Amino acid sequence: MAMEQNESSKWYAFFTRDGEKLVRFVRSRAHRISEMDAEDIVADVMLSLVSRLETSGPVENIAAYAYRSVRNKIADYERSHAKETSLDGMADEDGELPLLSLIAADSEEPFAQEERAERMHRLTDAIGKLEPRQRAILIATELKGKSFRELSEEWGEPIGTLLSRKSRAVKTLRILLEEAER
């Protein structure tokens, strides 16, 4: 018990003394991270390390152990905040965004309106042919503007699964639209 208190007081002293350095370390390593998220990462690491004191033995180099734990937590954070897949990346050779340009009217000319309506019809048909879960993720993220994090919590599925599903949906949609153009 006395050894456990001694070990916990070492950890407390370390985080009191070096907590701000750890936050700066997180900000320097993590991409596009807010101050609050950096502090949350350090607090999570501190909490998890202190809560493991009774199950793990004494740590010889507290700083090395803490920094390694913070690096691991940063990797977890970046994985969970992975860049969202967007239809914006579907530009053709000319830089046109065929799917997103369907929504905005470019011209009031009768032929342009007719062409736009035809493209919209092809897009709607292609989305209708997607597997239901792929269609749902595509509509939720692209049309309703929901984030993967929101959907993960709402649907009870991991963010990685949702990202993969959307990626497959976009690939399938691209193929369906190419077939419809022929």
C-alpha atoms as a PDB file:
ATOM      1  CA  MET A   1       0.000   0.000   0.000  1.00  0.00           C
ATOM      2  CA  ALA A   2       2.823   2.435   0.908  1.00  0.00           C
ATOM      3  CA  MET A   3       4.605   1.524  -2.349  1.00  0.00           C
ATOM      4  CA  GLU A   4       1.407   2.188  -4.301  1.00  0.00           C
ATOM      5  CA  GLN A   5       1.025   5.622  -2.680  1.00  0.00           C
ATOM      6  CA  ASN A   6       4.687   6.384  -3.411  1.00  0.00           C
ATOM      7  CA  GLU A   7       4.198   5.381  -7.062  1.00  0.00           C
ATOM      8  CA  SER A   8       1.004   7.436  -7.374  1.00  0.00           C
ATOM      9  CA  SER A   9       2.699  10.466  -5.820  1.00  0.00           C
ATOM     10  CA  LYS A  10       5.479  10.151  -8.445  1.00  0.00           C
ATOM     11  CA  TRP A  11       2.862  10.162 -11.211  1.00  0.00           C
ATOM     12  CA  TYR A  12       1.035  13.096  -9.633  1.00  0.00           C
ATOM     13  CA  ALA A  13       4.307  15.043  -9.367  1.00  0.00           C
ATOM     14  CA  PHE A  14       5.174  14.219 -12.979  1.00  0.00           C
ATOM     15  CA  PHE A  15       1.823  15.356 -14.397  1.00  0.00           C
ATOM     16  CA  THR A  16       1.816  18.477 -12.211  1.00  0.00           C
ATOM     17  CA  ARG A  17       5.307  19.410 -13.339  1.00  0.00           C
ATOM     18  CA  ASP A  18       5.169  18.262 -16.991  1.00  0.00           C
ATOM     19  CA  GLY A  19       1.460  18.341 -17.854  1.00  0.00           C
ATOM     20  CA  GLU A  20       1.753  21.531 -19.876  1.00  0.00           C
ATOM     21  CA  LYS A  21       4.749  20.101 -21.790  1.00  0.00           C
ATOM     22  CA  LEU A  22       2.657  17.063 -22.654  1.00  0.00           C
ATOM     23  CA  VAL A  23      -0.143  19.290 -23.974  1.00  0.00           C
ATOM     24  CA  ARG A  24       2.372  21.168 -26.169  1.00  0.00           C
ATOM     25  CA  PHE A  25       3.751  17.814 -27.304  1.00  0.00           C
ATOM     26  CA  VAL A  26       0.258  16.701 -28.340  1.00  0.00           C
ATOM     27  CA  ARG A  27      -0.351  19.938 -30.268  1.00  0.00           C
ATOM     28  CA  SER A  28       2.975  19.571 -32.073  1.00  0.00           C
ATOM     29  CA  ARG A  29       2.270  15.970 -33.087  1.00  0.00           C
ATOM     30  CA  ALA A  30      -1.462  15.925 -33.790  1.00  0.00           C
ATOM     31  CA  HIS A  31      -2.814  17.575 -36.903  1.00  0.00           C
ATOM     32  CA  ARG A  32      -5.577  20.166 -36.598  1.00  0.00           C
ATOM     33  CA  ILE A  33      -6.225  19.600 -32.920  1.00  0.00           C
ATOM     34  CA  SER A  34      -7.898  22.073 -30.613  1.00  0.00           C
ATOM     35  CA  GLU A  35      -6.416  23.140 -27.292  1.00  0.00           C
ATOM     36  CA  MET A  36      -9.238  21.391 -25.460  1.00  0.00           C
ATOM     37  CA  ASP A  37      -8.687  18.106 -27.338  1.00  0.00           C
ATOM     38  CA  ALA A  38      -4.955  18.228 -26.562  1.00  0.00           C
ATOM     39  CA  GLU A  39      -5.743  18.700 -22.881  1.00  0.00           C
ATOM     40  CA  ASP A  40      -8.308  15.888 -23.050  1.00  0.00           C
ATOM     41  CA  ILE A  41      -5.719  13.520 -24.519  1.00  0.00           C
ATOM     42  CA  VAL A  42      -3.272  14.287 -21.704  1.00  0.00           C
ATOM     43  CA  ALA A  43      -6.017  13.938 -19.087  1.00  0.00           C
ATOM     44  CA  ASP A  44      -7.107  10.582 -20.563  1.00  0.00           C
ATOM     45  CA  VAL A  45      -3.539   9.317 -20.475  1.00  0.00           C
ATOM     46  CA  MET A  46      -3.075  10.528 -16.923  1.00  0.00           C
ATOM     47  CA  LEU A  47      -6.301   8.897 -15.789  1.00  0.00           C
ATOM     48  CA  SER A  48      -5.581   5.584 -17.482  1.00  0.00           C
ATOM     49  CA  LEU A  49      -2.015   5.436 -16.182  1.00  0.00           C
ATOM     50  CA  VAL A  50      -2.960   6.306 -12.614  1.00  0.00           C
ATOM     51  CA  SER A  51      -5.859   3.837 -12.673  1.00  0.00           C
ATOM     52  CA  ARG A  52      -3.450   1.045 -13.653  1.00  0.00           C
ATOM     53  CA  LEU A  53      -1.076   1.635 -10.757  1.00  0.00           C
ATOM     54  CA  GLU A  54      -2.334  -1.271  -8.712  1.00  0.00           C
ATOM     55  CA  THR A  55      -2.258  -3.793 -11.579  1.00  0.00           C
ATOM     56  CA  SER A  56       1.096  -2.878 -13.071  1.00  0.00           C
ATOM     57  CA  GLY A  57       4.356  -2.672 -11.191  1.00  0.00           C
ATOM     58  CA  PRO A  58       6.450   0.433 -10.656  1.00  0.00           C
ATOM     59  CA  VAL A  59       7.619   2.276 -13.774  1.00  0.00           C
ATOM     60  CA  GLU A  60      11.300   3.100 -13.978  1.00  0.00           C
ATOM     61  CA  ASN A  61      11.102   5.986 -16.434  1.00  0.00           C
ATOM     62  CA  ILE A  62       7.819   7.788 -15.874  1.00  0.00           C
ATOM     63  CA  ALA A  63       8.442  10.424 -18.569  1.00  0.00           C
ATOM     64  CA  ALA A  64       9.192   7.857 -21.291  1.00  0.00           C
ATOM     65  CA  TYR A  65       6.159   5.806 -20.298  1.00  0.00           C
ATOM     66  CA  ALA A  66       3.897   8.880 -20.294  1.00  0.00           C
ATOM     67  CA  TYR A  67       5.159  10.181 -23.654  1.00  0.00           C
ATOM     68  CA  ARG A  68       4.752   6.747 -25.250  1.00  0.00           C
ATOM     69  CA  SER A  69       1.197   6.583 -23.892  1.00  0.00           C
ATOM     70  CA  VAL A  70       0.478  10.067 -25.256  1.00  0.00           C
ATOM     71  CA  ARG A  71       1.827   9.077 -28.704  1.00  0.00           C
ATOM     72  CA  ASN A  72      -0.475   6.053 -28.698  1.00  0.00           C
ATOM     73  CA  LYS A  73      -3.434   8.224 -27.672  1.00  0.00           C
ATOM     74  CA  ILE A  74      -2.618  10.705 -30.482  1.00  0.00           C
ATOM     75  CA  ALA A  75      -2.667   7.824 -32.968  1.00  0.00           C
ATOM     76  CA  ASP A  76      -6.063   6.733 -31.608  1.00  0.00           C
ATOM     77  CA  TYR A  77      -7.337  10.309 -31.858  1.00  0.00           C
ATOM     78  CA  GLU A  78      -6.181  10.718 -35.448  1.00  0.00           C
ATOM     79  CA  ARG A  79      -7.659   7.387 -36.460  1.00  0.00           C
ATOM     80  CA  SER A  80     -10.999   8.343 -34.960  1.00  0.00           C
ATOM     81  CA  HIS A  81     -10.881  11.741 -36.661  1.00  0.00           C
ATOM     82  CA  ALA A  82      -9.845  10.339 -40.024  1.00  0.00           C
ATOM     83  CA  LYS A  83     -10.438  12.534 -43.039  1.00  0.00           C
ATOM     84  CA  GLU A  84     -13.961  12.045 -44.254  1.00  0.00           C
ATOM     85  CA  THR A  85     -14.520  10.703 -47.717  1.00  0.00           C
ATOM     86  CA  SER A  86     -16.354  13.203 -49.876  1.00  0.00           C
ATOM     87  CA  LEU A  87     -17.812  13.171 -53.331  1.00  0.00           C
ATOM     88  CA  ASP A  88     -15.757  16.313 -53.954  1.00  0.00           C
ATOM     89  CA  GLY A  89     -12.837  14.002 -54.780  1.00  0.00           C
ATOM     90  CA  MET A  90     -14.663  12.605 -57.797  1.00  0.00           C
ATOM     91  CA  ALA A  91     -13.519  15.282 -60.237  1.00  0.00           C
ATOM     92  CA  ASP A  92     -13.092  14.117 -63.810  1.00  0.00           C
ATOM     93  CA  GLU A  93     -10.107  14.860 -66.077  1.00  0.00           C
ATOM     94  CA  ASP A  94     -11.334  18.412 -66.703  1.00  0.00           C
ATOM     95  CA  GLY A  95     -11.668  19.130 -62.992  1.00  0.00           C
ATOM     96  CA  GLU A  96     -15.472  19.030 -63.251  1.00  0.00           C
ATOM     97  CA  LEU A  97     -17.440  17.677 -60.317  1.00  0.00           C
ATOM     98  CA  PRO A  98     -20.218  15.884 -62.173  1.00  0.00           C
ATOM     99  CA  LEU A  99     -22.173  14.822 -59.107  1.00  0.00           C
ATOM    100  CA  LEU A 100     -22.038  18.065 -57.170  1.00  0.00           C
ATOM    101  CA  SER A 101     -22.617  20.209 -60.235  1.00  0.00           C
ATOM    102  CA  LEU A 102     -25.990  18.519 -60.648  1.00  0.00           C
ATOM    103  CA  ILE A 103     -27.344  20.357 -57.647  1.00  0.00           C
ATOM    104  CA  ALA A 104     -26.474  23.899 -58.772  1.00  0.00           C
ATOM    105  CA  ALA A 105     -28.113  25.323 -61.854  1.00  0.00           C
ATOM    106  CA  ASP A 106     -25.405  26.654 -64.177  1.00  0.00           C
ATOM    107  CA  SER A 107     -27.592  28.200 -66.778  1.00  0.00           C
ATOM    108  CA  GLU A 108     -31.180  29.101 -67.466  1.00  0.00           C
ATOM    109  CA  GLU A 109     -30.978  27.938 -71.089  1.00  0.00           C
ATOM    110  CA  PRO A 110     -33.597  25.314 -71.957  1.00  0.00           C
ATOM    111  CA  PHE A 111     -31.016  22.759 -73.118  1.00  0.00           C
ATOM    112  CA  ALA A 112     -28.953  23.224 -69.970  1.00  0.00           C
ATOM    113  CA  GLN A 113     -32.034  22.711 -67.790  1.00  0.00           C
ATOM    114  CA  GLU A 114     -32.967  19.583 -69.697  1.00  0.00           C
ATOM    115  CA  GLU A 115     -29.418  18.201 -69.438  1.00  0.00           C
ATOM    116  CA  ARG A 116     -29.330  18.991 -65.730  1.00  0.00           C
ATOM    117  CA  ALA A 117     -32.654  17.206 -65.196  1.00  0.00           C
ATOM    118  CA  GLU A 118     -31.348  14.174 -67.107  1.00  0.00           C
ATOM    119  CA  ARG A 119     -28.140  14.054 -65.038  1.00  0.00           C
ATOM    120  CA  MET A 120     -30.174  14.400 -61.849  1.00  0.00           C
ATOM    121  CA  HIS A 121     -32.384  11.514 -62.973  1.00  0.00           C
ATOM    122  CA  ARG A 122     -29.318   9.325 -63.655  1.00  0.00           C
ATOM    123  CA  LEU A 123     -27.872  10.220 -60.252  1.00  0.00           C
ATOM    124  CA  THR A 124     -31.130   9.448 -58.463  1.00  0.00           C
ATOM    125  CA  ASP A 125     -31.431   6.110 -60.260  1.00  0.00           C
ATOM    126  CA  ALA A 126     -27.822   5.209 -59.440  1.00  0.00           C
ATOM    127  CA  ILE A 127     -28.252   6.083 -55.750  1.00  0.00           C
ATOM    128  CA  GLY A 128     -31.438   3.975 -55.729  1.00  0.00           C
ATOM    129  CA  LYS A 129     -29.450   0.968 -56.977  1.00  0.00           C
ATOM    130  CA  LEU A 130     -26.959   1.126 -54.110  1.00  0.00           C
ATOM    131  CA  GLU A 131     -27.123  -1.390 -51.302  1.00  0.00           C
ATOM    132  CA  PRO A 132     -29.374   0.140 -48.569  1.00  0.00           C
ATOM    133  CA  ARG A 133     -26.604   0.718 -46.012  1.00  0.00           C
ATOM    134  CA  GLN A 134     -24.372   2.320 -48.647  1.00  0.00           C
ATOM    135  CA  ARG A 135     -27.238   4.513 -49.799  1.00  0.00           C
ATOM    136  CA  ALA A 136     -27.952   5.556 -46.196  1.00  0.00           C
ATOM    137  CA  ILE A 137     -24.347   6.610 -45.465  1.00  0.00           C
ATOM    138  CA  LEU A 138     -24.085   8.499 -48.748  1.00  0.00           C
ATOM    139  CA  ILE A 139     -27.316  10.405 -48.178  1.00  0.00           C
ATOM    140  CA  ALA A 140     -26.545  11.098 -44.515  1.00  0.00           C
ATOM    141  CA  THR A 141     -23.066  12.509 -45.167  1.00  0.00           C
ATOM    142  CA  GLU A 142     -23.453  14.209 -48.547  1.00  0.00           C
ATOM    143  CA  LEU A 143     -27.024  15.453 -48.504  1.00  0.00           C
ATOM    144  CA  LYS A 144     -27.841  15.802 -44.812  1.00  0.00           C
ATOM    145  CA  GLY A 145     -24.334  16.951 -43.843  1.00  0.00           C
ATOM    146  CA  LYS A 146     -23.940  14.558 -40.915  1.00  0.00           C
ATOM    147  CA  SER A 147     -20.467  13.705 -39.642  1.00  0.00           C
ATOM    148  CA  PHE A 148     -19.166  10.173 -39.336  1.00  0.00           C
ATOM    149  CA  ARG A 149     -18.882  10.668 -35.582  1.00  0.00           C
ATOM    150  CA  GLU A 150     -22.585  11.590 -35.333  1.00  0.00           C
ATOM    151  CA  LEU A 151     -23.582   8.611 -37.448  1.00  0.00           C
ATOM    152  CA  SER A 152     -21.323   6.278 -35.484  1.00  0.00           C
ATOM    153  CA  GLU A 153     -23.046   7.255 -32.252  1.00  0.00           C
ATOM    154  CA  GLU A 154     -26.519   7.272 -33.792  1.00  0.00           C
ATOM    155  CA  TRP A 155     -26.187   3.958 -35.644  1.00  0.00           C
ATOM    156  CA  GLY A 156     -23.919   2.210 -33.126  1.00  0.00           C
ATOM    157  CA  GLU A 157     -21.281   1.332 -35.726  1.00  0.00           C
ATOM    158  CA  PRO A 158     -17.545   2.094 -35.767  1.00  0.00           C
ATOM    159  CA  ILE A 159     -16.399   5.114 -37.764  1.00  0.00           C
ATOM    160  CA  GLY A 160     -14.044   2.922 -39.815  1.00  0.00           C
ATOM    161  CA  THR A 161     -16.953   0.752 -40.919  1.00  0.00           C
ATOM    162  CA  LEU A 162     -18.901   3.815 -42.001  1.00  0.00           C
ATOM    163  CA  LEU A 163     -15.888   5.201 -43.899  1.00  0.00           C
ATOM    164  CA  SER A 164     -15.421   1.891 -45.724  1.00  0.00           C
ATOM    165  CA  ARG A 165     -19.099   1.683 -46.540  1.00  0.00           C
ATOM    166  CA  LYS A 166     -19.106   5.200 -47.975  1.00  0.00           C
ATOM    167  CA  SER A 167     -15.972   4.507 -49.994  1.00  0.00           C
ATOM    168  CA  ARG A 168     -17.631   1.435 -51.533  1.00  0.00           C
ATOM    169  CA  ALA A 169     -20.781   3.472 -52.170  1.00  0.00           C
ATOM    170  CA  VAL A 170     -18.829   6.169 -54.016  1.00  0.00           C
ATOM    171  CA  LYS A 171     -16.980   3.583 -56.141  1.00  0.00           C
ATOM    172  CA  THR A 172     -20.225   1.796 -56.991  1.00  0.00           C
ATOM    173  CA  LEU A 173     -21.957   5.098 -57.727  1.00  0.00           C
ATOM    174  CA  ARG A 174     -19.132   6.112 -60.063  1.00  0.00           C
ATOM    175  CA  ILE A 175     -19.460   2.816 -61.977  1.00  0.00           C
ATOM    176  CA  LEU A 176     -23.258   3.112 -62.181  1.00  0.00           C
ATOM    177  CA  LEU A 177     -23.038   6.670 -63.491  1.00  0.00           C
ATOM    178  CA  GLU A 178     -20.422   5.705 -66.095  1.00  0.00           C
ATOM    179  CA  GLU A 179     -22.694   2.886 -67.276  1.00  0.00           C
ATOM    180  CA  ALA A 180     -25.665   5.253 -67.457  1.00  0.00           C
ATOM    181  CA  GLU A 181     -23.673   7.694 -69.611  1.00  0.00           C
ATOM    182  CA  ARG A 182     -23.053   5.025 -72.301  1.00  0.00           C
END
